[in-house]
Amino acid sequence: MTATAPVQLPASLDAALAALEEAGHALGSARAWEMQLEDLRALVKRDAIERILQTENPLTHKPHSASSAEAIVESDVDYTLHRLNQRVAVIDVDTARGRFEAAKLRAYYAAQVDAATLTTEDR
């Protein structure tokens, strides 16, 4: 049995595949951050509602009820900031996904160009 030498990829294809790998890692990291924020959302919302329950409802001059606290939870600064972070994370995922798809196309076309070049050189 004869050992075959490892295939040496053309530099342009090797670079395109490395960029694809990097873009895939960035997409995974962006998705992980988005998921972590979503996992925390219920806890951040619960804490916001608990803070609101400790305040006076200006309409009744009594502490907020759970339903009124739920109704105005979007006004809580910490909860609002968490939701803004989630929006940024979604944008980051979409951006990373676009970069990943672009990197896939660049790698595909680099492979096509390199294959065509090799075929032409073989003639």
PDB file of N, CA and C in Angstrom:
ATOM      1  N   MET A   1       0.846  -1.169   0.000  1.00  0.00           N
ATOM      2  CA  MET A   1       0.000   0.000   0.000  1.00  0.00           C
ATOM      3  C   MET A   1       0.895   1.237   0.000  1.00  0.00           C
ATOM      4  N   THR A   2       0.637   2.136  -0.921  1.00  0.00           N
ATOM      5  CA  THR A   2       1.442   3.332  -1.071  1.00  0.00           C
ATOM      6  C   THR A   2       0.778   4.486  -0.340  1.00  0.00           C
ATOM      7  N   ALA A   3       1.566   5.202   0.453  1.00  0.00           N
ATOM      8  CA  ALA A   3       1.044   6.381   1.150  1.00  0.00           C
ATOM      9  C   ALA A   3       0.971   7.535   0.171  1.00  0.00           C
ATOM     10  N   THR A   4      -0.100   8.279   0.249  1.00  0.00           N
ATOM     11  CA  THR A   4      -0.230   9.443  -0.624  1.00  0.00           C
ATOM     12  C   THR A   4       0.143  10.691   0.158  1.00  0.00           C
ATOM     13  N   ALA A   5       0.746  11.601  -0.551  1.00  0.00           N
ATOM     14  CA  ALA A   5       1.135  12.867   0.076  1.00  0.00           C
ATOM     15  C   ALA A   5      -0.125  13.668   0.373  1.00  0.00           C
ATOM     16  N   PRO A   6      -0.116  14.412   1.462  1.00  0.00           N
ATOM     17  CA  PRO A   6      -1.283  15.245   1.750  1.00  0.00           C
ATOM     18  C   PRO A   6      -1.496  16.258   0.633  1.00  0.00           C
ATOM     19  N   VAL A   7      -2.766  16.507   0.344  1.00  0.00           N
ATOM     20  CA  VAL A   7      -3.109  17.457  -0.711  1.00  0.00           C
ATOM     21  C   VAL A   7      -2.807  18.866  -0.210  1.00  0.00           C
ATOM     22  N   GLN A   8      -2.095  19.610  -1.016  1.00  0.00           N
ATOM     23  CA  GLN A   8      -1.790  21.006  -0.702  1.00  0.00           C
ATOM     24  C   GLN A   8      -2.836  21.866  -1.384  1.00  0.00           C
ATOM     25  N   LEU A   9      -3.622  22.548  -0.594  1.00  0.00           N
ATOM     26  CA  LEU A   9      -4.646  23.420  -1.159  1.00  0.00           C
ATOM     27  C   LEU A   9      -4.012  24.685  -1.716  1.00  0.00           C
ATOM     28  N   PRO A  10      -4.559  25.191  -2.814  1.00  0.00           N
ATOM     29  CA  PRO A  10      -4.092  26.490  -3.295  1.00  0.00           C
ATOM     30  C   PRO A  10      -4.291  27.544  -2.196  1.00  0.00           C
ATOM     31  N   ALA A  11      -3.410  28.512  -2.145  1.00  0.00           N
ATOM     32  CA  ALA A  11      -3.437  29.519  -1.073  1.00  0.00           C
ATOM     33  C   ALA A  11      -4.765  30.262  -1.012  1.00  0.00           C
ATOM     34  N   SER A  12      -5.343  30.587  -2.169  1.00  0.00           N
ATOM     35  CA  SER A  12      -6.603  31.336  -2.166  1.00  0.00           C
ATOM     36  C   SER A  12      -7.738  30.505  -1.568  1.00  0.00           C
ATOM     37  N   LEU A  13      -7.766  29.216  -1.862  1.00  0.00           N
ATOM     38  CA  LEU A  13      -8.802  28.348  -1.308  1.00  0.00           C
ATOM     39  C   LEU A  13      -8.554  28.119   0.178  1.00  0.00           C
ATOM     40  N   ASP A  14      -7.305  27.918   0.551  1.00  0.00           N
ATOM     41  CA  ASP A  14      -6.967  27.720   1.964  1.00  0.00           C
ATOM     42  C   ASP A  14      -7.387  28.943   2.782  1.00  0.00           C
ATOM     43  N   ALA A  15      -7.134  30.140   2.264  1.00  0.00           N
ATOM     44  CA  ALA A  15      -7.517  31.380   2.964  1.00  0.00           C
ATOM     45  C   ALA A  15      -9.037  31.496   3.044  1.00  0.00           C
ATOM     46  N   ALA A  16      -9.734  31.137   1.963  1.00  0.00           N
ATOM     47  CA  ALA A  16     -11.195  31.217   1.963  1.00  0.00           C
ATOM     48  C   ALA A  16     -11.795  30.241   2.972  1.00  0.00           C
ATOM     49  N   LEU A  17     -11.216  29.050   3.076  1.00  0.00           N
ATOM     50  CA  LEU A  17     -11.718  28.069   4.040  1.00  0.00           C
ATOM     51  C   LEU A  17     -11.418  28.505   5.473  1.00  0.00           C
ATOM     52  N   ALA A  18     -10.273  29.126   5.694  1.00  0.00           N
ATOM     53  CA  ALA A  18      -9.949  29.642   7.028  1.00  0.00           C
ATOM     54  C   ALA A  18     -10.926  30.749   7.415  1.00  0.00           C
ATOM     55  N   ALA A  19     -11.260  31.608   6.457  1.00  0.00           N
ATOM     56  CA  ALA A  19     -12.230  32.680   6.722  1.00  0.00           C
ATOM     57  C   ALA A  19     -13.611  32.094   7.005  1.00  0.00           C
ATOM     58  N   LEU A  20     -13.962  31.022   6.314  1.00  0.00           N
ATOM     59  CA  LEU A  20     -15.240  30.348   6.553  1.00  0.00           C
ATOM     60  C   LEU A  20     -15.281  29.765   7.963  1.00  0.00           C
ATOM     61  N   GLU A  21     -14.197  29.152   8.368  1.00  0.00           N
ATOM     62  CA  GLU A  21     -14.123  28.597   9.724  1.00  0.00           C
ATOM     63  C   GLU A  21     -14.258  29.703  10.774  1.00  0.00           C
ATOM     64  N   GLU A  22     -13.578  30.813  10.548  1.00  0.00           N
ATOM     65  CA  GLU A  22     -13.661  31.956  11.473  1.00  0.00           C
ATOM     66  C   GLU A  22     -15.074  32.532  11.518  1.00  0.00           C
ATOM     67  N   ALA A  23     -15.709  32.655  10.360  1.00  0.00           N
ATOM     68  CA  ALA A  23     -17.079  33.177  10.310  1.00  0.00           C
ATOM     69  C   ALA A  23     -18.042  32.223  11.017  1.00  0.00           C
ATOM     70  N   GLY A  24     -17.826  30.931  10.881  1.00  0.00           N
ATOM     71  CA  GLY A  24     -18.658  29.954  11.575  1.00  0.00           C
ATOM     72  C   GLY A  24     -18.521  30.066  13.081  1.00  0.00           C
ATOM     73  N   HIS A  25     -17.298  30.278  13.543  1.00  0.00           N
ATOM     74  CA  HIS A  25     -17.067  30.456  14.982  1.00  0.00           C
ATOM     75  C   HIS A  25     -17.752  31.733  15.480  1.00  0.00           C
ATOM     76  N   ALA A  26     -17.645  32.809  14.714  1.00  0.00           N
ATOM     77  CA  ALA A  26     -18.291  34.074  15.104  1.00  0.00           C
ATOM     78  C   ALA A  26     -19.807  33.909  15.157  1.00  0.00           C
ATOM     79  N   LEU A  27     -20.367  33.166  14.211  1.00  0.00           N
ATOM     80  CA  LEU A  27     -21.812  32.926  14.212  1.00  0.00           C
ATOM     81  C   LEU A  27     -22.209  32.117  15.446  1.00  0.00           C
ATOM     82  N   GLY A  28     -21.436  31.103  15.773  1.00  0.00           N
ATOM     83  CA  GLY A  28     -21.732  30.308  16.966  1.00  0.00           C
ATOM     84  C   GLY A  28     -21.664  31.137  18.239  1.00  0.00           C
ATOM     85  N   SER A  29     -20.677  31.999  18.330  1.00  0.00           N
ATOM     86  CA  SER A  29     -20.545  32.860  19.511  1.00  0.00           C
ATOM     87  C   SER A  29     -21.715  33.838  19.619  1.00  0.00           C
ATOM     88  N   ALA A  30     -22.121  34.395  18.490  1.00  0.00           N
ATOM     89  CA  ALA A  30     -23.256  35.328  18.493  1.00  0.00           C
ATOM     90  C   ALA A  30     -24.535  34.613  18.909  1.00  0.00           C
ATOM     91  N   ARG A  31     -24.749  33.404  18.415  1.00  0.00           N
ATOM     92  CA  ARG A  31     -25.943  32.630  18.791  1.00  0.00           C
ATOM     93  C   ARG A  31     -25.917  32.283  20.274  1.00  0.00           C
ATOM     94  N   ALA A  32     -24.740  31.921  20.790  1.00  0.00           N
ATOM     95  CA  ALA A  32     -24.629  31.574  22.215  1.00  0.00           C
ATOM     96  C   ALA A  32     -24.984  32.772  23.094  1.00  0.00           C
ATOM     97  N   TRP A  33     -24.523  33.961  22.715  1.00  0.00           N
ATOM     98  CA  TRP A  33     -24.827  35.176  23.477  1.00  0.00           C
ATOM     99  C   TRP A  33     -26.328  35.476  23.411  1.00  0.00           C
ATOM    100  N   GLU A  34     -26.910  35.336  22.234  1.00  0.00           N
ATOM    101  CA  GLU A  34     -28.350  35.563  22.085  1.00  0.00           C
ATOM    102  C   GLU A  34     -29.132  34.586  22.973  1.00  0.00           C
ATOM    103  N   MET A  35     -28.735  33.339  22.980  1.00  0.00           N
ATOM    104  CA  MET A  35     -29.417  32.332  23.794  1.00  0.00           C
ATOM    105  C   MET A  35     -29.265  32.626  25.286  1.00  0.00           C
ATOM    106  N   GLN A  36     -28.082  33.051  25.690  1.00  0.00           N
ATOM    107  CA  GLN A  36     -27.858  33.362  27.100  1.00  0.00           C
ATOM    108  C   GLN A  36     -28.761  34.511  27.546  1.00  0.00           C
ATOM    109  N   LEU A  37     -28.864  35.542  26.717  1.00  0.00           N
ATOM    110  CA  LEU A  37     -29.738  36.661  27.043  1.00  0.00           C
ATOM    111  C   LEU A  37     -31.197  36.225  27.122  1.00  0.00           C
ATOM    112  N   GLU A  38     -31.598  35.353  26.203  1.00  0.00           N
ATOM    113  CA  GLU A  38     -32.984  34.868  26.237  1.00  0.00           C
ATOM    114  C   GLU A  38     -33.226  34.027  27.490  1.00  0.00           C
ATOM    115  N   ASP A  39     -32.255  33.225  27.881  1.00  0.00           N
ATOM    116  CA  ASP A  39     -32.389  32.419  29.100  1.00  0.00           C
ATOM    117  C   ASP A  39     -32.553  33.307  30.340  1.00  0.00           C
ATOM    118  N   LEU A  40     -31.910  34.460  30.327  1.00  0.00           N
ATOM    119  CA  LEU A  40     -31.967  35.369  31.478  1.00  0.00           C
ATOM    120  C   LEU A  40     -33.194  36.277  31.493  1.00  0.00           C
ATOM    121  N   ARG A  41     -33.866  36.388  30.361  1.00  0.00           N
ATOM    122  CA  ARG A  41     -34.959  37.357  30.239  1.00  0.00           C
ATOM    123  C   ARG A  41     -36.031  37.171  31.309  1.00  0.00           C
ATOM    124  N   ALA A  42     -36.455  35.958  31.536  1.00  0.00           N
ATOM    125  CA  ALA A  42     -37.511  35.725  32.536  1.00  0.00           C
ATOM    126  C   ALA A  42     -37.062  36.153  33.930  1.00  0.00           C
ATOM    127  N   LEU A  43     -35.794  35.920  34.239  1.00  0.00           N
ATOM    128  CA  LEU A  43     -35.284  36.316  35.560  1.00  0.00           C
ATOM    129  C   LEU A  43     -35.192  37.832  35.693  1.00  0.00           C
ATOM    130  N   VAL A  44     -34.733  38.486  34.643  1.00  0.00           N
ATOM    131  CA  VAL A  44     -34.643  39.950  34.657  1.00  0.00           C
ATOM    132  C   VAL A  44     -36.041  40.548  34.764  1.00  0.00           C
ATOM    133  N   LYS A  45     -36.991  39.959  34.048  1.00  0.00           N
ATOM    134  CA  LYS A  45     -38.374  40.449  34.102  1.00  0.00           C
ATOM    135  C   LYS A  45     -38.955  40.236  35.500  1.00  0.00           C
ATOM    136  N   ARG A  46     -38.705  39.068  36.083  1.00  0.00           N
ATOM    137  CA  ARG A  46     -39.201  38.801  37.438  1.00  0.00           C
ATOM    138  C   ARG A  46     -38.655  39.821  38.431  1.00  0.00           C
ATOM    139  N   ASP A  47     -37.349  40.098  38.332  1.00  0.00           N
ATOM    140  CA  ASP A  47     -36.739  41.084  39.231  1.00  0.00           C
ATOM    141  C   ASP A  47     -37.338  42.471  39.029  1.00  0.00           C
ATOM    142  N   ALA A  48     -37.618  42.812  37.773  1.00  0.00           N
ATOM    143  CA  ALA A  48     -38.223  44.115  37.481  1.00  0.00           C
ATOM    144  C   ALA A  48     -39.616  44.201  38.090  1.00  0.00           C
ATOM    145  N   ILE A  49     -40.383  43.150  37.948  1.00  0.00           N
ATOM    146  CA  ILE A  49     -41.738  43.142  38.522  1.00  0.00           C
ATOM    147  C   ILE A  49     -41.667  43.250  40.043  1.00  0.00           C
ATOM    148  N   GLU A  50     -40.708  42.546  40.646  1.00  0.00           N
ATOM    149  CA  GLU A  50     -40.557  42.640  42.103  1.00  0.00           C
ATOM    150  C   GLU A  50     -40.211  44.065  42.538  1.00  0.00           C
ATOM    151  N   ARG A  51     -39.381  44.747  41.767  1.00  0.00           N
ATOM    152  CA  ARG A  51     -39.063  46.148  42.089  1.00  0.00           C
ATOM    153  C   ARG A  51     -40.299  47.023  41.958  1.00  0.00           C
ATOM    154  N   ILE A  52     -41.067  46.812  40.909  1.00  0.00           N
ATOM    155  CA  ILE A  52     -42.262  47.619  40.679  1.00  0.00           C
ATOM    156  C   ILE A  52     -43.285  47.369  41.781  1.00  0.00           C
ATOM    157  N   LEU A  53     -43.394  46.145  42.251  1.00  0.00           N
ATOM    158  CA  LEU A  53     -44.348  45.818  43.323  1.00  0.00           C
ATOM    159  C   LEU A  53     -44.062  46.606  44.601  1.00  0.00           C
ATOM    160  N   GLN A  54     -42.835  47.052  44.744  1.00  0.00           N
ATOM    161  CA  GLN A  54     -42.451  47.815  45.935  1.00  0.00           C
ATOM    162  C   GLN A  54     -42.749  49.306  45.803  1.00  0.00           C
ATOM    163  N   THR A  55     -43.247  49.710  44.634  1.00  0.00           N
ATOM    164  CA  THR A  55     -43.525  51.132  44.417  1.00  0.00           C
ATOM    165  C   THR A  55     -45.029  51.397  44.462  1.00  0.00           C
ATOM    166  N   GLU A  56     -45.356  52.657  44.594  1.00  0.00           N
ATOM    167  CA  GLU A  56     -46.763  53.054  44.664  1.00  0.00           C
ATOM    168  C   GLU A  56     -47.338  53.245  43.274  1.00  0.00           C
ATOM    169  N   ASN A  57     -48.529  52.732  43.084  1.00  0.00           N
ATOM    170  CA  ASN A  57     -49.260  52.962  41.851  1.00  0.00           C
ATOM    171  C   ASN A  57     -49.839  54.374  41.939  1.00  0.00           C
ATOM    172  N   PRO A  58     -49.459  55.273  41.039  1.00  0.00           N
ATOM    173  CA  PRO A  58     -49.934  56.662  41.143  1.00  0.00           C
ATOM    174  C   PRO A  58     -51.448  56.800  40.946  1.00  0.00           C
ATOM    175  N   LEU A  59     -52.075  55.796  40.362  1.00  0.00           N
ATOM    176  CA  LEU A  59     -53.533  55.866  40.160  1.00  0.00           C
ATOM    177  C   LEU A  59     -54.307  55.480  41.417  1.00  0.00           C
ATOM    178  N   THR A  60     -53.768  54.528  42.182  1.00  0.00           N
ATOM    179  CA  THR A  60     -54.500  54.035  43.370  1.00  0.00           C
ATOM    180  C   THR A  60     -53.868  54.489  44.677  1.00  0.00           C
ATOM    181  N   HIS A  61     -52.664  55.011  44.616  1.00  0.00           N
ATOM    182  CA  HIS A  61     -51.876  55.409  45.793  1.00  0.00           C
ATOM    183  C   HIS A  61     -51.644  54.222  46.742  1.00  0.00           C
ATOM    184  N   LYS A  62     -51.628  53.029  46.164  1.00  0.00           N
ATOM    185  CA  LYS A  62     -51.317  51.793  46.886  1.00  0.00           C
ATOM    186  C   LYS A  62     -50.169  51.120  46.140  1.00  0.00           C
ATOM    187  N   PRO A  63     -49.551  50.146  46.784  1.00  0.00           N
ATOM    188  CA  PRO A  63     -48.502  49.424  46.035  1.00  0.00           C
ATOM    189  C   PRO A  63     -49.089  48.795  44.769  1.00  0.00           C
ATOM    190  N   HIS A  64     -48.253  48.696  43.748  1.00  0.00           N
ATOM    191  CA  HIS A  64     -48.694  48.069  42.501  1.00  0.00           C
ATOM    192  C   HIS A  64     -49.135  46.640  42.760  1.00  0.00           C
ATOM    193  N   SER A  65     -50.159  46.207  42.055  1.00  0.00           N
ATOM    194  CA  SER A  65     -50.545  44.798  42.060  1.00  0.00           C
ATOM    195  C   SER A  65     -49.659  44.067  41.050  1.00  0.00           C
ATOM    196  N   ALA A  66     -49.705  42.759  41.086  1.00  0.00           N
ATOM    197  CA  ALA A  66     -48.901  41.974  40.137  1.00  0.00           C
ATOM    198  C   ALA A  66     -49.316  42.279  38.699  1.00  0.00           C
ATOM    199  N   SER A  67     -50.605  42.414  38.473  1.00  0.00           N
ATOM    200  CA  SER A  67     -51.054  42.678  37.098  1.00  0.00           C
ATOM    201  C   SER A  67     -50.643  44.074  36.629  1.00  0.00           C
ATOM    202  N   SER A  68     -50.685  45.062  37.517  1.00  0.00           N
ATOM    203  CA  SER A  68     -50.254  46.397  37.084  1.00  0.00           C
ATOM    204  C   SER A  68     -48.739  46.441  36.906  1.00  0.00           C
ATOM    205  N   ALA A  69     -48.014  45.709  37.744  1.00  0.00           N
ATOM    206  CA  ALA A  69     -46.552  45.647  37.583  1.00  0.00           C
ATOM    207  C   ALA A  69     -46.198  44.986  36.259  1.00  0.00           C
ATOM    208  N   GLU A  70     -46.899  43.920  35.926  1.00  0.00           N
ATOM    209  CA  GLU A  70     -46.685  43.228  34.639  1.00  0.00           C
ATOM    210  C   GLU A  70     -46.980  44.168  33.475  1.00  0.00           C
ATOM    211  N   ALA A  71     -48.016  44.959  33.621  1.00  0.00           N
ATOM    212  CA  ALA A  71     -48.423  45.868  32.550  1.00  0.00           C
ATOM    213  C   ALA A  71     -47.391  46.956  32.276  1.00  0.00           C
ATOM    214  N   ILE A  72     -46.634  47.350  33.284  1.00  0.00           N
ATOM    215  CA  ILE A  72     -45.675  48.448  33.085  1.00  0.00           C
ATOM    216  C   ILE A  72     -44.220  47.992  33.179  1.00  0.00           C
ATOM    217  N   VAL A  73     -43.978  46.689  33.127  1.00  0.00           N
ATOM    218  CA  VAL A  73     -42.618  46.179  33.300  1.00  0.00           C
ATOM    219  C   VAL A  73     -41.649  46.760  32.259  1.00  0.00           C
ATOM    220  N   GLU A  74     -42.146  47.097  31.087  1.00  0.00           N
ATOM    221  CA  GLU A  74     -41.281  47.670  30.038  1.00  0.00           C
ATOM    222  C   GLU A  74     -40.695  49.016  30.453  1.00  0.00           C
ATOM    223  N   SER A  75     -41.263  49.633  31.473  1.00  0.00           N
ATOM    224  CA  SER A  75     -40.745  50.918  31.937  1.00  0.00           C
ATOM    225  C   SER A  75     -39.577  50.764  32.908  1.00  0.00           C
ATOM    226  N   ASP A  76     -39.320  49.535  33.355  1.00  0.00           N
ATOM    227  CA  ASP A  76     -38.200  49.296  34.270  1.00  0.00           C
ATOM    228  C   ASP A  76     -36.888  49.428  33.501  1.00  0.00           C
ATOM    229  N   VAL A  77     -35.975  50.219  34.022  1.00  0.00           N
ATOM    230  CA  VAL A  77     -34.719  50.511  33.321  1.00  0.00           C
ATOM    231  C   VAL A  77     -33.901  49.243  33.066  1.00  0.00           C
ATOM    232  N   ASP A  78     -33.736  48.411  34.075  1.00  0.00           N
ATOM    233  CA  ASP A  78     -32.923  47.206  33.900  1.00  0.00           C
ATOM    234  C   ASP A  78     -33.534  46.261  32.872  1.00  0.00           C
ATOM    235  N   TYR A  79     -34.844  46.103  32.927  1.00  0.00           N
ATOM    236  CA  TYR A  79     -35.516  45.222  31.961  1.00  0.00           C
ATOM    237  C   TYR A  79     -35.410  45.795  30.552  1.00  0.00           C
ATOM    238  N   THR A  80     -35.597  47.090  30.432  1.00  0.00           N
ATOM    239  CA  THR A  80     -35.483  47.739  29.125  1.00  0.00           C
ATOM    240  C   THR A  80     -34.079  47.577  28.554  1.00  0.00           C
ATOM    241  N   LEU A  81     -33.064  47.751  29.395  1.00  0.00           N
ATOM    242  CA  LEU A  81     -31.683  47.565  28.932  1.00  0.00           C
ATOM    243  C   LEU A  81     -31.430  46.126  28.506  1.00  0.00           C
ATOM    244  N   HIS A  82     -31.994  45.180  29.253  1.00  0.00           N
ATOM    245  CA  HIS A  82     -31.838  43.765  28.874  1.00  0.00           C
ATOM    246  C   HIS A  82     -32.470  43.511  27.509  1.00  0.00           C
ATOM    247  N   ARG A  83     -33.662  44.044  27.300  1.00  0.00           N
ATOM    248  CA  ARG A  83     -34.330  43.860  25.999  1.00  0.00           C
ATOM    249  C   ARG A  83     -33.538  44.528  24.872  1.00  0.00           C
ATOM    250  N   LEU A  84     -32.949  45.685  25.157  1.00  0.00           N
ATOM    251  CA  LEU A  84     -32.101  46.332  24.141  1.00  0.00           C
ATOM    252  C   LEU A  84     -30.894  45.463  23.815  1.00  0.00           C
ATOM    253  N   ASN A  85     -30.300  44.852  24.836  1.00  0.00           N
ATOM    254  CA  ASN A  85     -29.178  43.933  24.604  1.00  0.00           C
ATOM    255  C   ASN A  85     -29.619  42.749  23.761  1.00  0.00           C
ATOM    256  N   GLN A  86     -30.831  42.271  23.993  1.00  0.00           N
ATOM    257  CA  GLN A  86     -31.341  41.170  23.177  1.00  0.00           C
ATOM    258  C   GLN A  86     -31.498  41.593  21.718  1.00  0.00           C
ATOM    259  N   ARG A  87     -31.989  42.787  21.506  1.00  0.00           N
ATOM    260  CA  ARG A  87     -32.140  43.278  20.127  1.00  0.00           C
ATOM    261  C   ARG A  87     -30.783  43.369  19.439  1.00  0.00           C
ATOM    262  N   VAL A  88     -29.798  43.874  20.152  1.00  0.00           N
ATOM    263  CA  VAL A  88     -28.441  43.955  19.591  1.00  0.00           C
ATOM    264  C   VAL A  88     -27.921  42.555  19.278  1.00  0.00           C
ATOM    265  N   ALA A  89     -28.184  41.604  20.168  1.00  0.00           N
ATOM    266  CA  ALA A  89     -27.728  40.229  19.950  1.00  0.00           C
ATOM    267  C   ALA A  89     -28.367  39.624  18.698  1.00  0.00           C
ATOM    268  N   VAL A  90     -29.641  39.902  18.478  1.00  0.00           N
ATOM    269  CA  VAL A  90     -30.319  39.393  17.281  1.00  0.00           C
ATOM    270  C   VAL A  90     -29.674  39.995  16.025  1.00  0.00           C
ATOM    271  N   ILE A  91     -29.397  41.276  16.063  1.00  0.00           N
ATOM    272  CA  ILE A  91     -28.734  41.933  14.929  1.00  0.00           C
ATOM    273  C   ILE A  91     -27.354  41.330  14.714  1.00  0.00           C
ATOM    274  N   ASP A  92     -26.626  41.079  15.802  1.00  0.00           N
ATOM    275  CA  ASP A  92     -25.304  40.465  15.694  1.00  0.00           C
ATOM    276  C   ASP A  92     -25.376  39.078  15.071  1.00  0.00           C
ATOM    277  N   VAL A  93     -26.388  38.300  15.437  1.00  0.00           N
ATOM    278  CA  VAL A  93     -26.558  36.959  14.848  1.00  0.00           C
ATOM    279  C   VAL A  93     -26.841  37.079  13.360  1.00  0.00           C
ATOM    280  N   ASP A  94     -27.733  37.969  12.992  1.00  0.00           N
ATOM    281  CA  ASP A  94     -28.048  38.138  11.575  1.00  0.00           C
ATOM    282  C   ASP A  94     -26.827  38.605  10.782  1.00  0.00           C
ATOM    283  N   THR A  95     -26.064  39.509  11.356  1.00  0.00           N
ATOM    284  CA  THR A  95     -24.843  39.987  10.701  1.00  0.00           C
ATOM    285  C   THR A  95     -23.834  38.847  10.562  1.00  0.00           C
ATOM    286  N   ALA A  96     -23.647  38.086  11.635  1.00  0.00           N
ATOM    287  CA  ALA A  96     -22.704  36.956  11.591  1.00  0.00           C
ATOM    288  C   ALA A  96     -23.167  35.906  10.588  1.00  0.00           C
ATOM    289  N   ARG A  97     -24.486  35.674  10.526  1.00  0.00           N
ATOM    290  CA  ARG A  97     -25.005  34.696   9.558  1.00  0.00           C
ATOM    291  C   ARG A  97     -24.737  35.170   8.129  1.00  0.00           C
ATOM    292  N   GLY A  98     -24.908  36.459   7.889  1.00  0.00           N
ATOM    293  CA  GLY A  98     -24.618  36.999   6.565  1.00  0.00           C
ATOM    294  C   GLY A  98     -23.146  36.857   6.213  1.00  0.00           C
ATOM    295  N   ARG A  99     -22.275  37.136   7.176  1.00  0.00           N
ATOM    296  CA  ARG A  99     -20.834  36.983   6.932  1.00  0.00           C
ATOM    297  C   ARG A  99     -20.466  35.524   6.681  1.00  0.00           C
ATOM    298  N   PHE A 100     -21.119  34.612   7.412  1.00  0.00           N
ATOM    299  CA  PHE A 100     -20.868  33.190   7.223  1.00  0.00           C
ATOM    300  C   PHE A 100     -21.292  32.755   5.823  1.00  0.00           C
ATOM    301  N   GLU A 101     -22.487  33.185   5.403  1.00  0.00           N
ATOM    302  CA  GLU A 101     -22.963  32.822   4.068  1.00  0.00           C
ATOM    303  C   GLU A 101     -22.058  33.410   2.976  1.00  0.00           C
ATOM    304  N   ALA A 102     -21.601  34.634   3.181  1.00  0.00           N
ATOM    305  CA  ALA A 102     -20.683  35.253   2.216  1.00  0.00           C
ATOM    306  C   ALA A 102     -19.364  34.483   2.170  1.00  0.00           C
ATOM    307  N   ALA A 103     -18.878  34.068   3.332  1.00  0.00           N
ATOM    308  CA  ALA A 103     -17.630  33.297   3.386  1.00  0.00           C
ATOM    309  C   ALA A 103     -17.807  31.950   2.683  1.00  0.00           C
ATOM    310  N   LYS A 104     -18.986  31.338   2.828  1.00  0.00           N
ATOM    311  CA  LYS A 104     -19.244  30.070   2.121  1.00  0.00           C
ATOM    312  C   LYS A 104     -19.174  30.277   0.610  1.00  0.00           C
ATOM    313  N   LEU A 105     -19.781  31.353   0.155  1.00  0.00           N
ATOM    314  CA  LEU A 105     -19.758  31.624  -1.281  1.00  0.00           C
ATOM    315  C   LEU A 105     -18.340  31.911  -1.774  1.00  0.00           C
ATOM    316  N   ARG A 106     -17.581  32.690  -0.982  1.00  0.00           N
ATOM    317  CA  ARG A 106     -16.203  32.973  -1.388  1.00  0.00           C
ATOM    318  C   ARG A 106     -15.385  31.678  -1.463  1.00  0.00           C
ATOM    319  N   ALA A 107     -15.562  30.788  -0.504  1.00  0.00           N
ATOM    320  CA  ALA A 107     -14.836  29.518  -0.515  1.00  0.00           C
ATOM    321  C   ALA A 107     -15.261  28.672  -1.714  1.00  0.00           C
ATOM    322  N   TYR A 108     -16.546  28.646  -1.980  1.00  0.00           N
ATOM    323  CA  TYR A 108     -17.046  27.877  -3.123  1.00  0.00           C
ATOM    324  C   TYR A 108     -16.441  28.395  -4.428  1.00  0.00           C
ATOM    325  N   TYR A 109     -16.499  29.712  -4.616  1.00  0.00           N
ATOM    326  CA  TYR A 109     -15.971  30.270  -5.858  1.00  0.00           C
ATOM    327  C   TYR A 109     -14.451  30.185  -5.932  1.00  0.00           C
ATOM    328  N   ALA A 110     -13.778  30.269  -4.814  1.00  0.00           N
ATOM    329  CA  ALA A 110     -12.318  30.073  -4.824  1.00  0.00           C
ATOM    330  C   ALA A 110     -12.003  28.654  -5.270  1.00  0.00           C
ATOM    331  N   ALA A 111     -12.782  27.683  -4.800  1.00  0.00           N
ATOM    332  CA  ALA A 111     -12.570  26.294  -5.205  1.00  0.00           C
ATOM    333  C   ALA A 111     -12.839  26.129  -6.695  1.00  0.00           C
ATOM    334  N   GLN A 112     -13.873  26.798  -7.208  1.00  0.00           N
ATOM    335  CA  GLN A 112     -14.180  26.703  -8.643  1.00  0.00           C
ATOM    336  C   GLN A 112     -13.062  27.299  -9.484  1.00  0.00           C
ATOM    337  N   VAL A 113     -12.575  28.460  -9.068  1.00  0.00           N
ATOM    338  CA  VAL A 113     -11.490  29.123  -9.808  1.00  0.00           C
ATOM    339  C   VAL A 113     -10.233  28.262  -9.760  1.00  0.00           C
ATOM    340  N   ASP A 114      -9.917  27.732  -8.576  1.00  0.00           N
ATOM    341  CA  ASP A 114      -8.719  26.911  -8.449  1.00  0.00           C
ATOM    342  C   ASP A 114      -8.849  25.624  -9.276  1.00  0.00           C
ATOM    343  N   ALA A 115     -10.032  25.029  -9.305  1.00  0.00           N
ATOM    344  CA  ALA A 115     -10.245  23.814 -10.097  1.00  0.00           C
ATOM    345  C   ALA A 115     -10.108  24.133 -11.588  1.00  0.00           C
ATOM    346  N   ALA A 116     -10.643  25.271 -12.015  1.00  0.00           N
ATOM    347  CA  ALA A 116     -10.526  25.662 -13.410  1.00  0.00           C
ATOM    348  C   ALA A 116      -9.074  25.940 -13.778  1.00  0.00           C
ATOM    349  N   THR A 117      -8.339  26.563 -12.859  1.00  0.00           N
ATOM    350  CA  THR A 117      -6.929  26.862 -13.099  1.00  0.00           C
ATOM    351  C   THR A 117      -6.131  25.575 -13.213  1.00  0.00           C
ATOM    352  N   LEU A 118      -6.398  24.620 -12.355  1.00  0.00           N
ATOM    353  CA  LEU A 118      -5.684  23.345 -12.389  1.00  0.00           C
ATOM    354  C   LEU A 118      -6.001  22.606 -13.678  1.00  0.00           C
ATOM    355  N   THR A 119      -7.266  22.645 -14.105  1.00  0.00           N
ATOM    356  CA  THR A 119      -7.659  21.982 -15.345  1.00  0.00           C
ATOM    357  C   THR A 119      -6.967  22.617 -16.526  1.00  0.00           C
ATOM    358  N   THR A 120      -6.887  23.936 -16.545  1.00  0.00           N
ATOM    359  CA  THR A 120      -6.236  24.663 -17.634  1.00  0.00           C
ATOM    360  C   THR A 120      -4.746  24.363 -17.672  1.00  0.00           C
ATOM    361  N   GLU A 121      -4.130  24.268 -16.498  1.00  0.00           N
ATOM    362  CA  GLU A 121      -2.687  23.995 -16.437  1.00  0.00           C
ATOM    363  C   GLU A 121      -2.363  22.580 -16.859  1.00  0.00           C
ATOM    364  N   ASP A 122      -3.315  21.654 -16.705  1.00  0.00           N
ATOM    365  CA  ASP A 122      -3.095  20.257 -17.083  1.00  0.00           C
ATOM    366  C   ASP A 122      -3.093  20.061 -18.591  1.00  0.00           C
ATOM    367  N   ARG A 123      -3.610  21.023 -19.323  1.00  0.00           N
ATOM    368  CA  ARG A 123      -3.720  20.876 -20.799  1.00  0.00           C
ATOM    369  C   ARG A 123      -2.394  20.962 -21.448  1.00  0.00           C
TER     370      ARG A 123
END
